[in-house]
């Protein structure tokens, strides 16, 4: 899963496992992503890059979400959580997000 683009996506291509898939669902860095076929090093030539854009999924959006849920259930999709806070700590988390103080996602808990 790659949502930053630019050099982050370039590095993902160089690190992808043989037959692995990089799912690109954003480009928050705003940087261009220079890629070369040579970056698919020996052993990972069968790897691929796939886009996932929810706004363009149309009627098949449910099938896309089912695929993501199945990947997560099978343990083939993991999400890095960089900050786990209660809703009352949202301001602190938003500040940390805006300053890129951690990598991964912020998880907000509602209720007790």
Foldseek 3Di string as FASTA:
>chain_A
DDAAAAVVVLVCQLVAAALAEAEYAHHNNPHHHDDDLPSNDPRRNNYYYHYDYLVPCPPCNVVVVVVVVVCVVVVNDDFDEFEEEEPVCVVVVVVCVVVVVTDTHYHYHYDD
